[in-house]
Amino acid sequence: AILTGVTLVASQLKELAFIMSLAGATLGNALIYVYPALMFRSAVKNMGDKASKGLKREVPFAMLSAFLGVVMGGIGAKMAFSLL
């Protein structure tokens, strides 16, 4: 949905630097930081009692990584909007 919206807006703009920076800030950070952390948390949760204590202790660190990814994405999006 996000990619479709970004593509539609990009088709109407002559200056593509804004779209490239916004898409990179949001989609790039989500792909690199947020989605892997959410998948790891889900995998550990689905393991139930089979998950080791070490794996369970890693989940908060993975969620911290996801949070930092969201923060960095927000900073990148703010910088993208400053190009307008």
N, C-alpha and C. Protein backbone atom coordinates (compact mmCIF):
# COMPACT_ATOMS: atom_id res chain seq x y z
N ALA A 1 0.82 -1.18 0.00
CA ALA A 1 0.00 0.00 0.00
C ALA A 1 0.87 1.26 0.00
N ILE A 2 1.92 1.24 0.83
CA ILE A 2 2.80 2.41 0.89
C ILE A 2 3.52 2.58 -0.43
N LEU A 3 4.00 1.48 -0.98
CA LEU A 3 4.73 1.55 -2.24
C LEU A 3 3.84 2.05 -3.37
N THR A 4 2.59 1.62 -3.39
CA THR A 4 1.65 2.09 -4.41
C THR A 4 1.42 3.59 -4.28
N GLY A 5 1.23 4.05 -3.07
CA GLY A 5 1.02 5.48 -2.85
C GLY A 5 2.23 6.30 -3.25
N VAL A 6 3.41 5.82 -2.90
CA VAL A 6 4.63 6.53 -3.26
C VAL A 6 4.79 6.55 -4.77
N THR A 7 4.47 5.45 -5.43
CA THR A 7 4.59 5.38 -6.90
C THR A 7 3.62 6.34 -7.57
N LEU A 8 2.40 6.42 -7.08
CA LEU A 8 1.41 7.34 -7.66
C LEU A 8 1.84 8.79 -7.49
N VAL A 9 2.35 9.12 -6.33
CA VAL A 9 2.83 10.49 -6.12
C VAL A 9 4.03 10.77 -7.01
N ALA A 10 4.91 9.80 -7.13
CA ALA A 10 6.12 9.98 -7.95
C ALA A 10 5.78 10.20 -9.41
N SER A 11 4.69 9.59 -9.88
CA SER A 11 4.33 9.77 -11.28
C SER A 11 3.85 11.19 -11.57
N GLN A 12 3.45 11.93 -10.53
CA GLN A 12 2.96 13.30 -10.71
C GLN A 12 4.03 14.36 -10.45
N LEU A 13 5.15 13.96 -9.88
CA LEU A 13 6.19 14.92 -9.55
C LEU A 13 7.27 14.97 -10.62
N LYS A 14 7.80 16.15 -10.84
CA LYS A 14 8.91 16.31 -11.77
C LYS A 14 10.23 16.11 -11.05
N GLU A 15 10.27 16.49 -9.79
CA GLU A 15 11.47 16.35 -8.98
C GLU A 15 11.37 15.04 -8.18
N LEU A 16 12.16 14.05 -8.53
CA LEU A 16 12.06 12.75 -7.90
C LEU A 16 12.94 12.59 -6.67
N ALA A 17 13.76 13.57 -6.36
CA ALA A 17 14.63 13.46 -5.19
C ALA A 17 13.81 13.30 -3.91
N PHE A 18 12.68 14.00 -3.83
CA PHE A 18 11.83 13.89 -2.65
C PHE A 18 11.31 12.47 -2.48
N ILE A 19 10.79 11.90 -3.56
CA ILE A 19 10.22 10.56 -3.48
C ILE A 19 11.29 9.53 -3.16
N MET A 20 12.45 9.67 -3.77
CA MET A 20 13.53 8.72 -3.51
C MET A 20 13.97 8.79 -2.05
N SER A 21 14.10 9.98 -1.51
CA SER A 21 14.54 10.10 -0.12
C SER A 21 13.45 9.65 0.85
N LEU A 22 12.20 9.94 0.55
CA LEU A 22 11.11 9.51 1.43
C LEU A 22 10.97 7.99 1.41
N ALA A 23 11.00 7.40 0.23
CA ALA A 23 10.88 5.95 0.13
C ALA A 23 12.07 5.26 0.79
N GLY A 24 13.25 5.82 0.62
CA GLY A 24 14.42 5.24 1.25
C GLY A 24 14.36 5.32 2.76
N ALA A 25 13.87 6.44 3.25
CA ALA A 25 13.78 6.63 4.70
C ALA A 25 12.75 5.69 5.32
N THR A 26 11.62 5.55 4.70
CA THR A 26 10.56 4.74 5.31
C THR A 26 10.70 3.26 4.98
N LEU A 27 10.73 2.93 3.72
CA LEU A 27 10.77 1.52 3.33
C LEU A 27 12.11 0.88 3.64
N GLY A 28 13.19 1.62 3.43
CA GLY A 28 14.51 1.07 3.70
C GLY A 28 14.72 0.74 5.17
N ASN A 29 14.36 1.66 6.05
CA ASN A 29 14.51 1.40 7.47
C ASN A 29 13.58 0.29 7.95
N ALA A 30 12.39 0.24 7.41
CA ALA A 30 11.48 -0.83 7.79
C ALA A 30 12.04 -2.19 7.38
N LEU A 31 12.57 -2.27 6.19
CA LEU A 31 13.10 -3.54 5.68
C LEU A 31 14.34 -3.98 6.44
N ILE A 32 15.18 -3.06 6.83
CA ILE A 32 16.45 -3.41 7.46
C ILE A 32 16.34 -3.58 8.97
N TYR A 33 15.56 -2.74 9.63
CA TYR A 33 15.53 -2.75 11.09
C TYR A 33 14.24 -3.31 11.69
N VAL A 34 13.10 -2.91 11.17
CA VAL A 34 11.83 -3.21 11.84
C VAL A 34 11.34 -4.62 11.53
N TYR A 35 11.23 -4.98 10.26
CA TYR A 35 10.67 -6.28 9.91
C TYR A 35 11.47 -7.46 10.46
N PRO A 36 12.81 -7.46 10.39
CA PRO A 36 13.54 -8.60 10.97
C PRO A 36 13.32 -8.74 12.47
N ALA A 37 13.25 -7.63 13.19
CA ALA A 37 13.01 -7.69 14.63
C ALA A 37 11.63 -8.27 14.94
N LEU A 38 10.63 -7.85 14.17
CA LEU A 38 9.28 -8.38 14.38
C LEU A 38 9.21 -9.87 14.04
N MET A 39 9.91 -10.28 12.98
CA MET A 39 9.92 -11.69 12.62
C MET A 39 10.63 -12.52 13.68
N PHE A 40 11.73 -12.01 14.23
CA PHE A 40 12.44 -12.72 15.28
C PHE A 40 11.57 -12.88 16.52
N ARG A 41 10.90 -11.79 16.91
CA ARG A 41 10.01 -11.87 18.08
C ARG A 41 8.91 -12.89 17.87
N SER A 42 8.34 -12.90 16.67
CA SER A 42 7.28 -13.85 16.36
C SER A 42 7.79 -15.29 16.36
N ALA A 43 9.00 -15.49 15.83
CA ALA A 43 9.56 -16.84 15.80
C ALA A 43 9.81 -17.36 17.20
N VAL A 44 10.35 -16.51 18.07
CA VAL A 44 10.60 -16.92 19.45
C VAL A 44 9.28 -17.20 20.16
N LYS A 45 8.29 -16.37 19.92
CA LYS A 45 6.97 -16.58 20.54
C LYS A 45 6.36 -17.89 20.08
N ASN A 46 6.47 -18.20 18.79
CA ASN A 46 5.91 -19.44 18.25
C ASN A 46 6.64 -20.68 18.75
N MET A 47 7.90 -20.53 19.16
CA MET A 47 8.65 -21.66 19.70
C MET A 47 8.14 -22.06 21.07
N GLY A 48 7.54 -21.13 21.76
CA GLY A 48 6.98 -21.42 23.08
C GLY A 48 8.05 -21.85 24.06
N ASP A 49 7.84 -22.99 24.71
CA ASP A 49 8.78 -23.49 25.71
C ASP A 49 10.07 -24.02 25.09
N LYS A 50 10.07 -24.26 23.79
CA LYS A 50 11.27 -24.77 23.11
C LYS A 50 12.33 -23.68 22.95
N ALA A 51 11.95 -22.43 23.07
CA ALA A 51 12.90 -21.32 22.93
C ALA A 51 13.81 -21.28 24.15
N SER A 52 15.09 -21.14 23.91
CA SER A 52 16.04 -21.09 25.02
C SER A 52 15.93 -19.75 25.74
N LYS A 53 16.51 -19.73 26.93
CA LYS A 53 16.50 -18.48 27.70
C LYS A 53 17.26 -17.39 26.96
N GLY A 54 18.32 -17.79 26.26
CA GLY A 54 19.11 -16.81 25.51
C GLY A 54 18.30 -16.15 24.41
N LEU A 55 17.51 -16.95 23.70
CA LEU A 55 16.66 -16.38 22.65
C LEU A 55 15.63 -15.42 23.24
N LYS A 56 15.05 -15.83 24.35
CA LYS A 56 14.05 -14.96 24.98
C LYS A 56 14.66 -13.66 25.47
N ARG A 57 15.93 -13.71 25.91
CA ARG A 57 16.59 -12.49 26.36
C ARG A 57 16.96 -11.58 25.20
N GLU A 58 17.08 -12.14 23.99
CA GLU A 58 17.44 -11.33 22.83
C GLU A 58 16.26 -10.52 22.28
N VAL A 59 15.05 -10.92 22.59
CA VAL A 59 13.86 -10.25 22.05
C VAL A 59 13.82 -8.76 22.40
N PRO A 60 14.06 -8.35 23.65
CA PRO A 60 14.04 -6.90 23.92
C PRO A 60 15.08 -6.13 23.12
N PHE A 61 16.25 -6.73 22.88
CA PHE A 61 17.26 -6.05 22.08
C PHE A 61 16.82 -5.92 20.62
N ALA A 62 16.15 -6.95 20.13
CA ALA A 62 15.62 -6.87 18.77
C ALA A 62 14.55 -5.79 18.66
N MET A 63 13.72 -5.67 19.68
CA MET A 63 12.68 -4.64 19.66
C MET A 63 13.29 -3.24 19.82
N LEU A 64 14.40 -3.14 20.54
CA LEU A 64 15.12 -1.87 20.61
C LEU A 64 15.65 -1.50 19.23
N SER A 65 16.15 -2.48 18.51
CA SER A 65 16.62 -2.24 17.14
C SER A 65 15.47 -1.75 16.27
N ALA A 66 14.30 -2.36 16.42
CA ALA A 66 13.13 -1.93 15.64
C ALA A 66 12.74 -0.50 15.99
N PHE A 67 12.75 -0.18 17.27
CA PHE A 67 12.41 1.18 17.71
C PHE A 67 13.39 2.20 17.13
N LEU A 68 14.68 1.88 17.19
CA LEU A 68 15.67 2.78 16.62
C LEU A 68 15.50 2.93 15.11
N GLY A 69 15.08 1.85 14.44
CA GLY A 69 14.80 1.93 13.02
C GLY A 69 13.64 2.88 12.72
N VAL A 70 12.62 2.84 13.57
CA VAL A 70 11.48 3.75 13.39
C VAL A 70 11.92 5.19 13.62
N VAL A 71 12.76 5.40 14.63
CA VAL A 71 13.26 6.75 14.91
C VAL A 71 14.09 7.25 13.72
N MET A 72 14.99 6.41 13.23
CA MET A 72 15.82 6.82 12.09
C MET A 72 14.97 7.06 10.85
N GLY A 73 13.93 6.24 10.66
CA GLY A 73 13.02 6.46 9.54
C GLY A 73 12.28 7.78 9.66
N GLY A 74 11.89 8.13 10.88
CA GLY A 74 11.23 9.41 11.11
C GLY A 74 12.15 10.58 10.82
N ILE A 75 13.40 10.45 11.25
CA ILE A 75 14.38 11.51 10.97
C ILE A 75 14.59 11.63 9.46
N GLY A 76 14.71 10.50 8.78
CA GLY A 76 14.89 10.52 7.33
C GLY A 76 13.70 11.11 6.61
N ALA A 77 12.49 10.79 7.08
CA ALA A 77 11.28 11.34 6.46
C ALA A 77 11.21 12.86 6.69
N LYS A 78 11.59 13.30 7.88
CA LYS A 78 11.61 14.74 8.16
C LYS A 78 12.60 15.44 7.24
N MET A 79 13.75 14.83 7.02
CA MET A 79 14.74 15.41 6.12
C MET A 79 14.22 15.41 4.68
N ALA A 80 13.49 14.38 4.30
CA ALA A 80 12.92 14.33 2.95
C ALA A 80 11.92 15.46 2.74
N PHE A 81 11.09 15.71 3.75
CA PHE A 81 10.12 16.79 3.63
C PHE A 81 10.78 18.17 3.61
N SER A 82 11.99 18.25 4.16
CA SER A 82 12.67 19.54 4.12
C SER A 82 13.16 19.86 2.71
N LEU A 83 13.18 18.86 1.81
CA LEU A 83 13.56 19.10 0.42
C LEU A 83 12.48 19.82 -0.37
N LEU A 84 11.25 19.77 0.13
CA LEU A 84 10.14 20.40 -0.60
C LEU A 84 10.21 21.89 -0.55
